[in-house]
C-alpha atoms as a PDB file:
ATOM      1  CA  MET A   1      29.372 137.534  77.320  1.00  0.00           C
ATOM      2  CA  THR A   2      31.114 136.154  74.233  1.00  0.00           C
ATOM      3  CA  THR A   3      32.702 138.593  71.812  1.00  0.00           C
ATOM      4  CA  GLY A   4      32.814 138.127  68.043  1.00  0.00           C
ATOM      5  CA  HIS A   5      36.540 137.429  68.345  1.00  0.00           C
ATOM      6  CA  ASP A   6      35.894 134.670  70.912  1.00  0.00           C
ATOM      7  CA  ALA A   7      33.158 133.202  68.707  1.00  0.00           C
ATOM      8  CA  THR A   8      35.571 133.037  65.769  1.00  0.00           C
ATOM      9  CA  LEU A   9      38.162 131.209  67.885  1.00  0.00           C
ATOM     10  CA  THR A  10      35.478 128.912  69.279  1.00  0.00           C
ATOM     11  CA  ASP A  11      34.310 128.078  65.751  1.00  0.00           C
ATOM     12  CA  GLN A  12      37.897 127.465  64.661  1.00  0.00           C
ATOM     13  CA  VAL A  13      38.432 124.945  67.484  1.00  0.00           C
ATOM     14  CA  ARG A  14      35.137 123.214  66.764  1.00  0.00           C
ATOM     15  CA  ARG A  15      35.853 122.997  63.009  1.00  0.00           C
ATOM     16  CA  ALA A  16      39.068 121.181  63.949  1.00  0.00           C
ATOM     17  CA  GLY A  17      36.931 118.543  65.657  1.00  0.00           C
ATOM     18  CA  MET A  18      37.569 119.519  69.267  1.00  0.00           C
ATOM     19  CA  ARG A  19      35.510 120.878  72.122  1.00  0.00           C
ATOM     20  CA  ALA A  20      36.021 124.615  72.446  1.00  0.00           C
ATOM     21  CA  THR A  21      37.180 124.630  76.060  1.00  0.00           C
ATOM     22  CA  PRO A  22      38.060 127.929  77.734  1.00  0.00           C
ATOM     23  CA  GLY A  23      41.724 126.851  77.862  1.00  0.00           C
ATOM     24  CA  ARG A  24      41.913 126.129  74.143  1.00  0.00           C
ATOM     25  CA  VAL A  25      40.207 129.375  73.181  1.00  0.00           C
ATOM     26  CA  ALA A  26      42.322 131.435  75.607  1.00  0.00           C
ATOM     27  CA  ALA A  27      45.566 129.820  74.410  1.00  0.00           C
ATOM     28  CA  LEU A  28      44.724 130.520  70.761  1.00  0.00           C
ATOM     29  CA  ASP A  29      43.815 134.104  71.606  1.00  0.00           C
ATOM     30  CA  PHE A  30      47.057 134.629  73.539  1.00  0.00           C
ATOM     31  CA  LEU A  31      49.210 133.099  70.800  1.00  0.00           C
ATOM     32  CA  ARG A  32      47.631 135.260  68.099  1.00  0.00           C
ATOM     33  CA  SER A  33      49.054 138.329  69.800  1.00  0.00           C
ATOM     34  CA  HIS A  34      52.173 136.649  71.265  1.00  0.00           C
ATOM     35  CA  PRO A  35      53.606 134.372  68.566  1.00  0.00           C
ATOM     36  CA  HIS A  36      56.608 132.186  69.344  1.00  0.00           C
ATOM     37  CA  SER A  37      55.603 131.779  72.999  1.00  0.00           C
ATOM     38  CA  THR A  38      56.492 128.784  75.140  1.00  0.00           C
ATOM     39  CA  ALA A  39      53.846 126.780  76.976  1.00  0.00           C
ATOM     40  CA  ALA A  40      55.023 128.465  80.192  1.00  0.00           C
ATOM     41  CA  GLU A  41      54.512 131.894  78.625  1.00  0.00           C
ATOM     42  CA  VAL A  42      51.034 130.868  77.466  1.00  0.00           C
ATOM     43  CA  HIS A  43      50.241 129.685  80.984  1.00  0.00           C
ATOM     44  CA  ALA A  44      51.465 132.951  82.513  1.00  0.00           C
ATOM     45  CA  GLY A  45      49.561 134.954  79.895  1.00  0.00           C
ATOM     46  CA  ILE A  46      46.196 133.329  80.532  1.00  0.00           C
ATOM     47  CA  ALA A  47      46.534 132.600  84.267  1.00  0.00           C
ATOM     48  CA  ALA A  48      44.592 135.721  85.306  1.00  0.00           C
ATOM     49  CA  LEU A  49      41.730 134.723  82.993  1.00  0.00           C
ATOM     50  CA  LEU A  50      41.797 131.022  83.954  1.00  0.00           C
ATOM     51  CA  PRO A  51      43.497 130.733  87.370  1.00  0.00           C
ATOM     52  CA  SER A  52      42.579 127.053  87.824  1.00  0.00           C
ATOM     53  CA  LEU A  53      44.249 125.998  84.545  1.00  0.00           C
ATOM     54  CA  SER A  54      47.373 124.010  85.404  1.00  0.00           C
ATOM     55  CA  MET A  55      50.672 124.064  83.562  1.00  0.00           C
ATOM     56  CA  GLN A  56      50.055 120.437  82.524  1.00  0.00           C
ATOM     57  CA  SER A  57      46.696 121.452  81.055  1.00  0.00           C
ATOM     58  CA  VAL A  58      48.401 124.151  78.983  1.00  0.00           C
ATOM     59  CA  HIS A  59      50.873 121.569  77.667  1.00  0.00           C
ATOM     60  CA  ASN A  60      47.908 119.366  76.730  1.00  0.00           C
ATOM     61  CA  VAL A  61      46.163 122.324  75.071  1.00  0.00           C
ATOM     62  CA  VAL A  62      49.127 123.350  72.905  1.00  0.00           C
ATOM     63  CA  ASN A  63      49.784 119.722  71.956  1.00  0.00           C
ATOM     64  CA  ASP A  64      46.125 119.179  70.988  1.00  0.00           C
ATOM     65  CA  LEU A  65      45.959 122.429  69.004  1.00  0.00           C
ATOM     66  CA  THR A  66      49.220 121.557  67.239  1.00  0.00           C
ATOM     67  CA  GLU A  67      48.009 118.055  66.394  1.00  0.00           C
ATOM     68  CA  LYS A  68      44.846 119.515  64.844  1.00  0.00           C
ATOM     69  CA  GLY A  69      46.805 122.071  62.807  1.00  0.00           C
ATOM     70  CA  LEU A  70      45.664 125.188  64.677  1.00  0.00           C
ATOM     71  CA  LEU A  71      49.152 125.819  66.061  1.00  0.00           C
ATOM     72  CA  ARG A  72      52.613 125.320  64.693  1.00  0.00           C
ATOM     73  CA  ARG A  73      55.329 124.042  67.029  1.00  0.00           C
ATOM     74  CA  VAL A  74      58.746 125.618  66.556  1.00  0.00           C
ATOM     75  CA  ASP A  75      61.507 123.483  68.037  1.00  0.00           C
ATOM     76  CA  VAL A  76      64.399 125.645  69.186  1.00  0.00           C
ATOM     77  CA  PRO A  77      66.961 125.187  71.966  1.00  0.00           C
ATOM     78  CA  GLY A  78      65.429 125.684  75.386  1.00  0.00           C
ATOM     79  CA  ALA A  79      61.706 125.114  75.002  1.00  0.00           C
ATOM     80  CA  ALA A  80      59.342 124.548  72.111  1.00  0.00           C
ATOM     81  CA  ARG A  81      57.495 127.636  70.984  1.00  0.00           C
ATOM     82  CA  TYR A  82      54.082 127.922  69.396  1.00  0.00           C
ATOM     83  CA  GLU A  83      52.431 130.190  66.847  1.00  0.00           C
ATOM     84  CA  THR A  84      49.087 130.411  65.069  1.00  0.00           C
ATOM     85  CA  GLN A  85      50.594 131.088  61.641  1.00  0.00           C
ATOM     86  CA  THR A  86      50.228 127.624  60.129  1.00  0.00           C
ATOM     87  CA  GLY A  87      48.925 128.025  56.585  1.00  0.00           C
ATOM     88  CA  ASP A  88      52.082 129.279  54.937  1.00  0.00           C
ATOM     89  CA  ASN A  89      55.622 128.183  54.258  1.00  0.00           C
ATOM     90  CA  HIS A  90      57.886 130.266  56.470  1.00  0.00           C
ATOM     91  CA  HIS A  91      60.969 129.718  58.579  1.00  0.00           C
ATOM     92  CA  HIS A  92      62.443 131.417  61.630  1.00  0.00           C
ATOM     93  CA  ILE A  93      65.459 133.415  62.720  1.00  0.00           C
ATOM     94  CA  ARG A  94      66.506 133.327  66.377  1.00  0.00           C
ATOM     95  CA  CYS A  95      68.853 135.644  68.243  1.00  0.00           C
ATOM     96  CA  VAL A  96      71.320 133.499  70.200  1.00  0.00           C
ATOM     97  CA  VAL A  97      71.766 136.278  72.779  1.00  0.00           C
ATOM     98  CA  CYS A  98      68.219 137.422  73.702  1.00  0.00           C
ATOM     99  CA  TYR A  99      66.417 134.390  72.149  1.00  0.00           C
ATOM    100  CA  ARG A 100      63.902 136.540  70.247  1.00  0.00           C
ATOM    101  CA  ILE A 101      62.392 134.703  67.279  1.00  0.00           C
ATOM    102  CA  GLU A 102      61.068 136.262  64.100  1.00  0.00           C
ATOM    103  CA  ASP A 103      59.475 134.851  60.973  1.00  0.00           C
ATOM    104  CA  VAL A 104      61.475 134.582  57.741  1.00  0.00           C
ATOM    105  CA  GLU A 105      59.872 133.963  54.370  1.00  0.00           C
ATOM    106  CA  CYS A 106      60.753 130.676  52.688  1.00  0.00           C
ATOM    107  CA  VAL A 107      64.267 130.742  51.285  1.00  0.00           C
ATOM    108  CA  THR A 108      63.231 129.696  47.771  1.00  0.00           C
ATOM    109  CA  GLY A 109      59.547 130.568  47.908  1.00  0.00           C
ATOM    110  CA  GLU A 110      57.898 127.167  47.453  1.00  0.00           C
ATOM    111  CA  ALA A 111      57.498 124.203  49.762  1.00  0.00           C
ATOM    112  CA  PRO A 112      59.527 122.346  50.793  1.00  0.00           C
ATOM    113  CA  CYS A 113      62.243 125.023  50.204  1.00  0.00           C
ATOM    114  CA  LEU A 114      65.012 122.476  50.683  1.00  0.00           C
ATOM    115  CA  THR A 115      65.446 119.040  49.155  1.00  0.00           C
ATOM    116  CA  PRO A 116      67.556 116.403  50.887  1.00  0.00           C
ATOM    117  CA  ALA A 117      70.281 114.773  48.811  1.00  0.00           C
ATOM    118  CA  ALA A 118      68.903 111.224  49.060  1.00  0.00           C
ATOM    119  CA  HIS A 119      65.249 110.681  49.853  1.00  0.00           C
ATOM    120  CA  ALA A 120      64.172 107.686  47.776  1.00  0.00           C
ATOM    121  CA  SER A 121      62.676 105.976  50.820  1.00  0.00           C
ATOM    122  CA  MET A 122      60.499 109.055  51.504  1.00  0.00           C
ATOM    123  CA  PRO A 123      59.636 110.546  48.120  1.00  0.00           C
ATOM    124  CA  VAL A 124      56.799 112.861  49.228  1.00  0.00           C
ATOM    125  CA  LEU A 125      58.360 115.918  50.850  1.00  0.00           C
ATOM    126  CA  LEU A 126      55.956 118.064  52.825  1.00  0.00           C
ATOM    127  CA  SER A 127      58.071 120.748  54.440  1.00  0.00           C
ATOM    128  CA  ALA A 128      61.477 121.790  55.646  1.00  0.00           C
ATOM    129  CA  ASP A 129      61.777 123.539  58.995  1.00  0.00           C
ATOM    130  CA  VAL A 130      64.675 125.980  59.084  1.00  0.00           C
ATOM    131  CA  THR A 131      65.755 128.108  62.013  1.00  0.00           C
ATOM    132  CA  PHE A 132      68.551 130.559  61.326  1.00  0.00           C
ATOM    133  CA  GLN A 133      70.765 131.378  64.306  1.00  0.00           C
ATOM    134  CA  ALA A 134      71.850 135.020  64.464  1.00  0.00           C
ATOM    135  CA  ILE A 135      72.531 138.009  66.684  1.00  0.00           C
ATOM    136  CA  CYS A 136      69.865 140.693  66.443  1.00  0.00           C
ATOM    137  CA  ALA A 137      70.777 144.340  65.837  1.00  0.00           C
ATOM    138  CA  GLN A 138      69.985 145.344  69.442  1.00  0.00           C
ATOM    139  CA  CYS A 139      72.185 142.646  70.953  1.00  0.00           C
ATOM    140  CA  ALA A 140      75.007 143.364  68.470  1.00  0.00           C
ATOM    141  CA  GLU A 141      74.851 147.052  69.413  1.00  0.00           C
ATOM    142  CA  LEU A 142      75.003 146.203  73.139  1.00  0.00           C
ATOM    143  CA  ARG A 143      78.024 143.953  72.541  1.00  0.00           C
ATOM    144  CA  GLU A 144      79.840 146.683  70.646  1.00  0.00           C
ATOM    145  CA  SER A 145      79.177 149.275  73.343  1.00  0.00           C
ATOM    146  CA  ALA A 146      80.333 146.987  76.173  1.00  0.00           C
END
């Protein structure tokens, strides 16, 4: 039985010009409730639902969904992370101790937020991806108590 939620995700995949495979729909569903997940975390999160889906298939799924604009890839040290929040202009802040990532509104409010000093050879700026490195309050508290 297909739920209304599944139908919405299925329609979203189809509108992007792709077949709505169970892996694509499950990955989108997982990432909606678990933003900033790695491909390995997506795989682990949907493995019970789709036990025959390989890790390589999940990599293909997140790459396809990213290419079609349904996911945003966040490149941070370690492994790329993925999120479904694609239609806005936000950045990220990452704890260098526990590696948690959170969204941060655009620094100046309008895309591309930052302008490179010399860009005559590429005059059409689309975006600027910023990841702030920090220590979250929980990790700072643990460091102080140690």
